[in-house]
PDB file of N, CA and C in Angstrom:
ATOM      1  N   MET A   1      12.307 -21.642  20.154  1.00  0.00           N
ATOM      2  CA  MET A   1      13.669 -20.809  19.167  1.00  0.00           C
ATOM      3  C   MET A   1      14.501 -21.981  19.315  1.00  0.00           C
ATOM      4  N   SER A   2      15.508 -21.754  18.419  1.00  0.00           N
ATOM      5  CA  SER A   2      16.607 -22.872  18.352  1.00  0.00           C
ATOM      6  C   SER A   2      17.933 -22.017  18.731  1.00  0.00           C
ATOM      7  N   PRO A   3      19.066 -22.603  19.604  1.00  0.00           N
ATOM      8  CA  PRO A   3      20.184 -22.288  20.589  1.00  0.00           C
ATOM      9  C   PRO A   3      20.829 -21.410  19.272  1.00  0.00           C
ATOM     10  N   ALA A   4      21.342 -21.528  18.067  1.00  0.00           N
ATOM     11  CA  ALA A   4      21.548 -20.953  16.775  1.00  0.00           C
ATOM     12  C   ALA A   4      21.029 -19.407  17.467  1.00  0.00           C
ATOM     13  N   LEU A   5      19.401 -19.316  16.920  1.00  0.00           N
ATOM     14  CA  LEU A   5      18.653 -18.531  16.769  1.00  0.00           C
ATOM     15  C   LEU A   5      19.254 -17.112  17.873  1.00  0.00           C
ATOM     16  N   ILE A   6      19.179 -18.116  19.025  1.00  0.00           N
ATOM     17  CA  ILE A   6      19.058 -16.951  20.069  1.00  0.00           C
ATOM     18  C   ILE A   6      20.090 -16.680  20.157  1.00  0.00           C
ATOM     19  N   LEU A   7      21.345 -16.894  20.463  1.00  0.00           N
ATOM     20  CA  LEU A   7      22.980 -16.595  20.202  1.00  0.00           C
ATOM     21  C   LEU A   7      23.162 -15.309  19.205  1.00  0.00           C
ATOM     22  N   SER A   8      22.713 -15.855  18.022  1.00  0.00           N
ATOM     23  CA  SER A   8      22.763 -15.027  16.769  1.00  0.00           C
ATOM     24  C   SER A   8      22.092 -13.494  17.171  1.00  0.00           C
ATOM     25  N   LEU A   9      20.846 -13.511  17.439  1.00  0.00           N
ATOM     26  CA  LEU A   9      19.953 -12.624  18.190  1.00  0.00           C
ATOM     27  C   LEU A   9      20.717 -11.953  19.964  1.00  0.00           C
ATOM     28  N   THR A  10      21.017 -12.626  20.403  1.00  0.00           N
ATOM     29  CA  THR A  10      21.876 -11.727  21.310  1.00  0.00           C
ATOM     30  C   THR A  10      23.003 -11.056  20.863  1.00  0.00           C
ATOM     31  N   LEU A  11      23.788 -11.555  19.802  1.00  0.00           N
ATOM     32  CA  LEU A  11      25.011 -11.169  19.289  1.00  0.00           C
ATOM     33  C   LEU A  11      24.715  -9.690  18.442  1.00  0.00           C
ATOM     34  N   VAL A  12      23.951  -9.620  17.676  1.00  0.00           N
ATOM     35  CA  VAL A  12      23.198  -8.740  16.729  1.00  0.00           C
ATOM     36  C   VAL A  12      22.689  -7.712  18.061  1.00  0.00           C
ATOM     37  N   ILE A  13      22.227  -7.950  19.429  1.00  0.00           N
ATOM     38  CA  ILE A  13      22.080  -6.641  20.006  1.00  0.00           C
ATOM     39  C   ILE A  13      22.796  -6.103  20.878  1.00  0.00           C
ATOM     40  N   PHE A  14      23.874  -6.936  21.043  1.00  0.00           N
ATOM     41  CA  PHE A  14      25.576  -6.638  21.087  1.00  0.00           C
ATOM     42  C   PHE A  14      25.957  -5.237  20.284  1.00  0.00           C
ATOM     43  N   TYR A  15      26.279  -6.094  19.354  1.00  0.00           N
ATOM     44  CA  TYR A  15      26.715  -5.534  18.679  1.00  0.00           C
ATOM     45  C   TYR A  15      26.547  -4.035  18.356  1.00  0.00           C
ATOM     46  N   GLY A  16      25.090  -4.315  17.721  1.00  0.00           N
ATOM     47  CA  GLY A  16      24.576  -2.391  17.414  1.00  0.00           C
ATOM     48  C   GLY A  16      24.297  -1.601  18.876  1.00  0.00           C
ATOM     49  N   SER A  17      24.376  -2.326  19.881  1.00  0.00           N
ATOM     50  CA  SER A  17      24.625  -1.332  21.334  1.00  0.00           C
ATOM     51  C   SER A  17      26.171  -0.967  21.447  1.00  0.00           C
ATOM     52  N   LEU A  18      26.902  -1.785  21.174  1.00  0.00           N
ATOM     53  CA  LEU A  18      28.330  -2.032  21.277  1.00  0.00           C
ATOM     54  C   LEU A  18      28.275  -0.050  20.060  1.00  0.00           C
ATOM     55  N   ALA A  19      28.098  -0.765  19.245  1.00  0.00           N
ATOM     56  CA  ALA A  19      28.016   0.446  18.260  1.00  0.00           C
ATOM     57  C   ALA A  19      27.675   1.882  18.636  1.00  0.00           C
ATOM     58  N   HIS A  20      26.965   1.829  19.122  1.00  0.00           N
ATOM     59  CA  HIS A  20      26.125   2.770  19.579  1.00  0.00           C
ATOM     60  C   HIS A  20      27.157   3.728  20.860  1.00  0.00           C
ATOM     61  N   ALA A  21      27.133   2.526  21.378  1.00  0.00           N
ATOM     62  CA  ALA A  21      27.205   3.494  22.462  1.00  0.00           C
ATOM     63  C   ALA A  21      28.901   3.585  22.804  1.00  0.00           C
ATOM     64  N   LEU A  22      29.945   3.177  21.452  1.00  0.00           N
ATOM     65  CA  LEU A  22      30.758   3.709  21.202  1.00  0.00           C
ATOM     66  C   LEU A  22      31.391   5.284  20.071  1.00  0.00           C
ATOM     67  N   PHE A  23      29.920   4.568  19.247  1.00  0.00           N
ATOM     68  CA  PHE A  23      30.197   5.647  18.264  1.00  0.00           C
ATOM     69  C   PHE A  23      28.900   6.559  17.626  1.00  0.00           C
ATOM     70  N   GLY A  24      27.350   6.440  18.353  1.00  0.00           N
ATOM     71  CA  GLY A  24      26.379   6.818  18.242  1.00  0.00           C
ATOM     72  C   GLY A  24      26.135   8.332  18.908  1.00  0.00           C
ATOM     73  N   ARG A  25      25.423   9.269  18.283  1.00  0.00           N
ATOM     74  CA  ARG A  25      25.745  10.638  18.859  1.00  0.00           C
ATOM     75  C   ARG A  25      24.041  10.768  19.084  1.00  0.00           C
ATOM     76  N   ARG A  26      23.202  10.040  18.393  1.00  0.00           N
ATOM     77  CA  ARG A  26      21.771  10.577  18.348  1.00  0.00           C
ATOM     78  C   ARG A  26      21.384   9.244  19.230  1.00  0.00           C
ATOM     79  N   LEU A  27      20.115   9.333  19.841  1.00  0.00           N
ATOM     80  CA  LEU A  27      19.102   7.711  20.119  1.00  0.00           C
ATOM     81  C   LEU A  27      18.401   7.287  18.627  1.00  0.00           C
ATOM     82  N   TRP A  28      18.024   8.312  17.592  1.00  0.00           N
ATOM     83  CA  TRP A  28      17.687   8.328  16.835  1.00  0.00           C
ATOM     84  C   TRP A  28      18.715   6.536  15.669  1.00  0.00           C
ATOM     85  N   GLN A  29      20.216   6.817  16.043  1.00  0.00           N
ATOM     86  CA  GLN A  29      21.019   5.911  15.711  1.00  0.00           C
ATOM     87  C   GLN A  29      20.908   4.553  16.355  1.00  0.00           C
ATOM     88  N   TRP A  30      20.645   4.501  17.492  1.00  0.00           N
ATOM     89  CA  TRP A  30      20.663   3.058  18.351  1.00  0.00           C
ATOM     90  C   TRP A  30      19.293   2.039  17.448  1.00  0.00           C
ATOM     91  N   PRO A  31      18.389   2.263  16.714  1.00  0.00           N
ATOM     92  CA  PRO A  31      18.065   1.767  16.126  1.00  0.00           C
ATOM     93  C   PRO A  31      18.692   0.772  14.509  1.00  0.00           C
ATOM     94  N   LEU A  32      19.167   2.363  14.016  1.00  0.00           N
ATOM     95  CA  LEU A  32      20.204   2.057  12.937  1.00  0.00           C
ATOM     96  C   LEU A  32      21.154   0.383  13.230  1.00  0.00           C
ATOM     97  N   PHE A  33      22.064   0.705  13.839  1.00  0.00           N
ATOM     98  CA  PHE A  33      22.663   0.268  13.844  1.00  0.00           C
ATOM     99  C   PHE A  33      22.571  -1.479  14.037  1.00  0.00           C
ATOM    100  N   VAL A  34      21.906  -1.521  15.522  1.00  0.00           N
ATOM    101  CA  VAL A  34      20.908  -2.837  15.498  1.00  0.00           C
ATOM    102  C   VAL A  34      20.271  -3.113  13.906  1.00  0.00           C
ATOM    103  N   ALA A  35      19.500  -2.455  13.577  1.00  0.00           N
ATOM    104  CA  ALA A  35      19.362  -3.537  11.751  1.00  0.00           C
ATOM    105  C   ALA A  35      20.416  -3.402  10.746  1.00  0.00           C
ATOM    106  N   ALA A  36      21.797  -2.516  10.835  1.00  0.00           N
ATOM    107  CA  ALA A  36      22.649  -2.893  10.411  1.00  0.00           C
ATOM    108  C   ALA A  36      23.119  -3.964  10.743  1.00  0.00           C
ATOM    109  N   SER A  37      23.167  -4.392  11.942  1.00  0.00           N
ATOM    110  CA  SER A  37      24.229  -5.473  12.531  1.00  0.00           C
ATOM    111  C   SER A  37      23.096  -6.518  12.435  1.00  0.00           C
ATOM    112  N   LEU A  38      21.989  -6.880  12.080  1.00  0.00           N
ATOM    113  CA  LEU A  38      20.884  -7.671  11.868  1.00  0.00           C
ATOM    114  C   LEU A  38      21.136  -8.196  10.506  1.00  0.00           C
ATOM    115  N   ALA A  39      21.639  -7.308   9.353  1.00  0.00           N
ATOM    116  CA  ALA A  39      21.189  -7.486   8.469  1.00  0.00           C
ATOM    117  C   ALA A  39      23.069  -7.989   7.603  1.00  0.00           C
ATOM    118  N   GLY A  40      23.892  -6.987   8.784  1.00  0.00           N
ATOM    119  CA  GLY A  40      25.384  -7.780   8.677  1.00  0.00           C
ATOM    120  C   GLY A  40      25.864  -9.357   8.884  1.00  0.00           C
ATOM    121  N   PHE A  41      25.018  -9.598  10.084  1.00  0.00           N
ATOM    122  CA  PHE A  41      25.198 -10.662  10.945  1.00  0.00           C
ATOM    123  C   PHE A  41      25.239 -11.729   9.954  1.00  0.00           C
ATOM    124  N   PHE A  42      23.396 -11.681   9.649  1.00  0.00           N
ATOM    125  CA  PHE A  42      23.004 -13.054   9.010  1.00  0.00           C
ATOM    126  C   PHE A  42      23.859 -12.370   7.205  1.00  0.00           C
ATOM    127  N   GLY A  43      24.129 -11.686   6.587  1.00  0.00           N
ATOM    128  CA  GLY A  43      24.499 -11.566   5.610  1.00  0.00           C
ATOM    129  C   GLY A  43      26.277 -12.659   5.766  1.00  0.00           C
ATOM    130  N   GLY A  44      26.596 -12.039   6.584  1.00  0.00           N
ATOM    131  CA  GLY A  44      28.313 -12.933   6.831  1.00  0.00           C
ATOM    132  C   GLY A  44      27.667 -14.567   7.370  1.00  0.00           C
ATOM    133  N   PHE A  45      26.801 -14.617   7.682  1.00  0.00           N
ATOM    134  CA  PHE A  45      26.971 -16.167   8.391  1.00  0.00           C
ATOM    135  C   PHE A  45      25.736 -16.745   7.160  1.00  0.00           C
ATOM    136  N   LEU A  46      25.488 -16.406   5.867  1.00  0.00           N
ATOM    137  CA  LEU A  46      25.059 -16.663   4.321  1.00  0.00           C
ATOM    138  C   LEU A  46      26.239 -17.015   3.938  1.00  0.00           C
ATOM    139  N   ALA A  47      27.713 -16.129   3.911  1.00  0.00           N
ATOM    140  CA  ALA A  47      28.558 -16.025   2.684  1.00  0.00           C
ATOM    141  C   ALA A  47      29.522 -17.007   3.599  1.00  0.00           C
ATOM    142  N   GLY A  48      29.305 -17.826   5.324  1.00  0.00           N
ATOM    143  CA  GLY A  48      30.530 -18.150   5.657  1.00  0.00           C
ATOM    144  C   GLY A  48      29.907 -19.771   5.505  1.00  0.00           C
ATOM    145  N   VAL A  49      28.293 -19.686   5.821  1.00  0.00           N
ATOM    146  CA  VAL A  49      28.288 -21.072   5.095  1.00  0.00           C
ATOM    147  C   VAL A  49      28.046 -21.578   3.396  1.00  0.00           C
ATOM    148  N   ALA A  50      27.883 -19.969   2.375  1.00  0.00           N
ATOM    149  CA  ALA A  50      28.315 -20.832   0.898  1.00  0.00           C
ATOM    150  C   ALA A  50      29.583 -21.042   0.826  1.00  0.00           C
ATOM    151  N   TRP A  51      30.510 -20.554   1.252  1.00  0.00           N
ATOM    152  CA  TRP A  51      31.817 -20.852   1.023  1.00  0.00           C
ATOM    153  C   TRP A  51      32.565 -21.455   1.520  1.00  0.00           C
ATOM    154  N   GLY A  52      32.216 -21.703   2.586  1.00  0.00           N
ATOM    155  CA  GLY A  52      32.469 -22.903   3.429  1.00  0.00           C
ATOM    156  C   GLY A  52      33.955 -22.264   4.051  1.00  0.00           C
ATOM    157  N   PHE A  53      34.090 -20.894   4.666  1.00  0.00           N
ATOM    158  CA  PHE A  53      34.621 -20.956   5.482  1.00  0.00           C
ATOM    159  C   PHE A  53      33.816 -19.996   7.015  1.00  0.00           C
ATOM    160  N   GLU A  54      33.958 -21.436   7.771  1.00  0.00           N
ATOM    161  CA  GLU A  54      33.353 -21.380   8.993  1.00  0.00           C
ATOM    162  C   GLU A  54      34.126 -21.297  10.306  1.00  0.00           C
ATOM    163  N   TRP A  55      35.631 -20.762   9.931  1.00  0.00           N
ATOM    164  CA  TRP A  55      36.070 -20.379  11.304  1.00  0.00           C
ATOM    165  C   TRP A  55      35.690 -19.984  12.619  1.00  0.00           C
ATOM    166  N   LEU A  56      36.132 -19.965  13.646  1.00  0.00           N
ATOM    167  CA  LEU A  56      35.427 -20.128  15.007  1.00  0.00           C
ATOM    168  C   LEU A  56      33.416 -19.884  14.926  1.00  0.00           C
ATOM    169  N   ARG A  57      33.575 -21.588  14.796  1.00  0.00           N
ATOM    170  CA  ARG A  57      32.135 -21.868  14.438  1.00  0.00           C
ATOM    171  C   ARG A  57      31.783 -22.446  15.846  1.00  0.00           C
ATOM    172  N   VAL A  58      30.600 -21.586  16.774  1.00  0.00           N
ATOM    173  CA  VAL A  58      29.866 -22.009  17.525  1.00  0.00           C
ATOM    174  C   VAL A  58      28.411 -22.624  17.197  1.00  0.00           C
ATOM    175  N   GLY A  59      28.176 -23.785  17.299  1.00  0.00           N
ATOM    176  CA  GLY A  59      27.629 -24.524  17.134  1.00  0.00           C
ATOM    177  C   GLY A  59      26.862 -24.117  15.482  1.00  0.00           C
ATOM    178  N   GLU A  60      26.273 -23.864  15.453  1.00  0.00           N
ATOM    179  CA  GLU A  60      26.351 -24.089  13.697  1.00  0.00           C
ATOM    180  C   GLU A  60      26.109 -22.163  13.033  1.00  0.00           C
ATOM    181  N   VAL A  61      27.297 -21.302  14.118  1.00  0.00           N
ATOM    182  CA  VAL A  61      27.066 -19.589  13.636  1.00  0.00           C
ATOM    183  C   VAL A  61      27.841 -19.650  13.488  1.00  0.00           C
ATOM    184  N   PRO A  62      28.445 -19.737  11.696  1.00  0.00           N
ATOM    185  CA  PRO A  62      30.498 -19.071  12.359  1.00  0.00           C
ATOM    186  C   PRO A  62      30.183 -18.000  12.447  1.00  0.00           C
ATOM    187  N   LEU A  63      31.263 -17.532  13.898  1.00  0.00           N
ATOM    188  CA  LEU A  63      31.140 -16.383  14.075  1.00  0.00           C
ATOM    189  C   LEU A  63      31.802 -15.287  13.354  1.00  0.00           C
ATOM    190  N   LEU A  64      32.680 -15.945  13.213  1.00  0.00           N
ATOM    191  CA  LEU A  64      34.315 -15.088  12.507  1.00  0.00           C
ATOM    192  C   LEU A  64      33.520 -14.644  10.881  1.00  0.00           C
ATOM    193  N   THR A  65      32.691 -14.873  10.241  1.00  0.00           N
ATOM    194  CA  THR A  65      32.552 -14.528   8.689  1.00  0.00           C
ATOM    195  C   THR A  65      31.169 -13.707   9.366  1.00  0.00           C
ATOM    196  N   ALA A  66      30.214 -13.815  10.810  1.00  0.00           N
ATOM    197  CA  ALA A  66      29.250 -12.980  10.780  1.00  0.00           C
ATOM    198  C   ALA A  66      29.452 -12.016  11.687  1.00  0.00           C
ATOM    199  N   THR A  67      30.530 -11.858  12.292  1.00  0.00           N
ATOM    200  CA  THR A  67      30.709 -10.927  13.090  1.00  0.00           C
ATOM    201  C   THR A  67      31.782  -9.817  11.760  1.00  0.00           C
ATOM    202  N   LEU A  68      32.895 -10.059  11.339  1.00  0.00           N
ATOM    203  CA  LEU A  68      32.271  -9.103  10.252  1.00  0.00           C
ATOM    204  C   LEU A  68      31.924  -8.469   9.254  1.00  0.00           C
ATOM    205  N   GLY A  69      30.862  -9.337   8.827  1.00  0.00           N
ATOM    206  CA  GLY A  69      29.850  -9.282   8.608  1.00  0.00           C
ATOM    207  C   GLY A  69      29.504  -7.803   9.147  1.00  0.00           C
ATOM    208  N   ALA A  70      28.473  -8.005  10.082  1.00  0.00           N
ATOM    209  CA  ALA A  70      27.722  -6.957  11.043  1.00  0.00           C
ATOM    210  C   ALA A  70      29.187  -6.127  11.180  1.00  0.00           C
ATOM    211  N   ALA A  71      30.382  -6.441  11.499  1.00  0.00           N
ATOM    212  CA  ALA A  71      31.101  -4.985  11.967  1.00  0.00           C
ATOM    213  C   ALA A  71      31.341  -4.044  10.267  1.00  0.00           C
ATOM    214  N   ALA A  72      31.325  -4.334   9.320  1.00  0.00           N
ATOM    215  CA  ALA A  72      31.294  -3.578   7.936  1.00  0.00           C
ATOM    216  C   ALA A  72      29.658  -3.147   7.935  1.00  0.00           C
ATOM    217  N   CYS A  73      28.374  -3.722   8.075  1.00  0.00           N
ATOM    218  CA  CYS A  73      27.663  -2.969   8.254  1.00  0.00           C
ATOM    219  C   CYS A  73      27.302  -2.187   9.446  1.00  0.00           C
ATOM    220  N   ILE A  74      27.599  -2.015  10.283  1.00  0.00           N
ATOM    221  CA  ILE A  74      27.996  -0.984  11.341  1.00  0.00           C
ATOM    222  C   ILE A  74      28.483  -0.252  10.477  1.00  0.00           C
ATOM    223  N   ALA A  75      29.819  -0.501  10.555  1.00  0.00           N
ATOM    224  CA  ALA A  75      30.990   0.642   9.820  1.00  0.00           C
ATOM    225  C   ALA A  75      30.403   1.408   8.906  1.00  0.00           C
ATOM    226  N   LEU A  76      29.109   1.302   7.430  1.00  0.00           N
ATOM    227  CA  LEU A  76      28.970   1.904   6.352  1.00  0.00           C
ATOM    228  C   LEU A  76      27.493   2.526   6.995  1.00  0.00           C
ATOM    229  N   THR A  77      26.762   2.213   8.204  1.00  0.00           N
ATOM    230  CA  THR A  77      25.628   2.710   8.939  1.00  0.00           C
ATOM    231  C   THR A  77      26.544   4.340   9.429  1.00  0.00           C
ATOM    232  N   TRP A  78      27.309   3.955  10.085  1.00  0.00           N
ATOM    233  CA  TRP A  78      27.958   5.115  11.327  1.00  0.00           C
ATOM    234  C   TRP A  78      28.408   5.829   9.816  1.00  0.00           C
ATOM    235  N   PHE A  79      29.033   5.591   9.122  1.00  0.00           N
ATOM    236  CA  PHE A  79      29.500   6.725   7.964  1.00  0.00           C
ATOM    237  C   PHE A  79      28.738   7.290   7.446  1.00  0.00           C
ATOM    238  N   PHE A  80      27.811   6.640   7.211  1.00  0.00           N
ATOM    239  CA  PHE A  80      26.041   7.772   6.724  1.00  0.00           C
ATOM    240  C   PHE A  80      25.194   8.095   7.501  1.00  0.00           C
ATOM    241  N   SER A  81      25.413   8.263   8.323  1.00  0.00           N
ATOM    242  CA  SER A  81      24.427   8.254   9.837  1.00  0.00           C
ATOM    243  C   SER A  81      25.153   9.605  10.638  1.00  0.00           C
ATOM    244  N   ALA A  82      26.542   9.258  10.628  1.00  0.00           N
ATOM    245  CA  ALA A  82      26.923  10.451  11.774  1.00  0.00           C
ATOM    246  C   ALA A  82      26.314  11.819  11.276  1.00  0.00           C
ATOM    247  N   PRO A  83      26.397  12.387  12.007  1.00  0.00           N
ATOM    248  CA  PRO A  83      26.427  14.261  11.422  1.00  0.00           C
ATOM    249  C   PRO A  83      27.241  14.883  11.258  1.00  0.00           C
ATOM    250  N   ALA A  84      27.152  15.753  10.152  1.00  0.00           N
ATOM    251  CA  ALA A  84      28.380  16.109   9.705  1.00  0.00           C
ATOM    252  C   ALA A  84      28.879  17.386  10.115  1.00  0.00           C
ATOM    253  N   ALA A  85      30.141  17.530  10.725  1.00  0.00           N
ATOM    254  CA  ALA A  85      30.350  18.576  11.202  1.00  0.00           C
ATOM    255  C   ALA A  85      30.488  20.237  10.607  1.00  0.00           C
ATOM    256  N   ASP A  86      30.444  21.161  11.564  1.00  0.00           N
ATOM    257  CA  ASP A  86      29.799  22.252  11.293  1.00  0.00           C
ATOM    258  C   ASP A  86      30.327  23.030  11.381  1.00  0.00           C
ATOM    259  N   PRO A  87      30.632  23.780   9.845  1.00  0.00           N
ATOM    260  CA  PRO A  87      32.436  24.296   9.569  1.00  0.00           C
ATOM    261  C   PRO A  87      32.569  25.993  10.247  1.00  0.00           C
ATOM    262  N   ALA A  88      30.930  26.217  11.503  1.00  0.00           N
ATOM    263  CA  ALA A  88      30.863  27.259  11.799  1.00  0.00           C
ATOM    264  C   ALA A  88      31.397  27.371  13.244  1.00  0.00           C
ATOM    265  N   ALA A  89      31.698  25.928  13.928  1.00  0.00           N
ATOM    266  CA  ALA A  89      31.736  25.576  15.109  1.00  0.00           C
ATOM    267  C   ALA A  89      33.125  26.062  15.935  1.00  0.00           C
ATOM    268  N   PRO A  90      33.242  26.276  17.464  1.00  0.00           N
ATOM    269  CA  PRO A  90      34.340  26.593  17.426  1.00  0.00           C
ATOM    270  C   PRO A  90      35.524  25.157  17.707  1.00  0.00           C
ATOM    271  N   GLY A  91      36.355  26.075  17.276  1.00  0.00           N
ATOM    272  CA  GLY A  91      37.933  25.473  17.265  1.00  0.00           C
ATOM    273  C   GLY A  91      38.098  24.711  15.866  1.00  0.00           C
ATOM    274  N   SER A  92      36.620  25.396  14.839  1.00  0.00           N
ATOM    275  CA  SER A  92      37.424  24.560  13.610  1.00  0.00           C
ATOM    276  C   SER A  92      38.134  25.639  13.627  1.00  0.00           C
ATOM    277  N   ASN A  93      38.985  25.242  11.913  1.00  0.00           N
ATOM    278  CA  ASN A  93      39.933  26.406  11.680  1.00  0.00           C
ATOM    279  C   ASN A  93      39.390  27.073  10.363  1.00  0.00           C
ATOM    280  N   ARG A  94      38.366  27.825  10.885  1.00  0.00           N
ATOM    281  CA  ARG A  94      38.058  28.252   9.979  1.00  0.00           C
ATOM    282  C   ARG A  94      37.561  30.032  10.128  1.00  0.00           C
TER     283      ARG A  94
END
């Protein structure tokens, strides 16, 4: 396995797990965050290489664009997978 692939997969799992630790509420969300991190990281990777925007490059990995791609996909995943607030819950303004 190439070092760039190992670094990328390590960062993907780290970003997905960190997002779950900070924002996840259910265990089933963890694989979603990791999958979103994977899709966003490699999407950002490809966009950075295609557009020539490769700041913070480590080896063959453009970290800035890959990390921004992972963050965007994680944010979308959190938005669509976060449980809805229960309006009848204690503390609600109902």
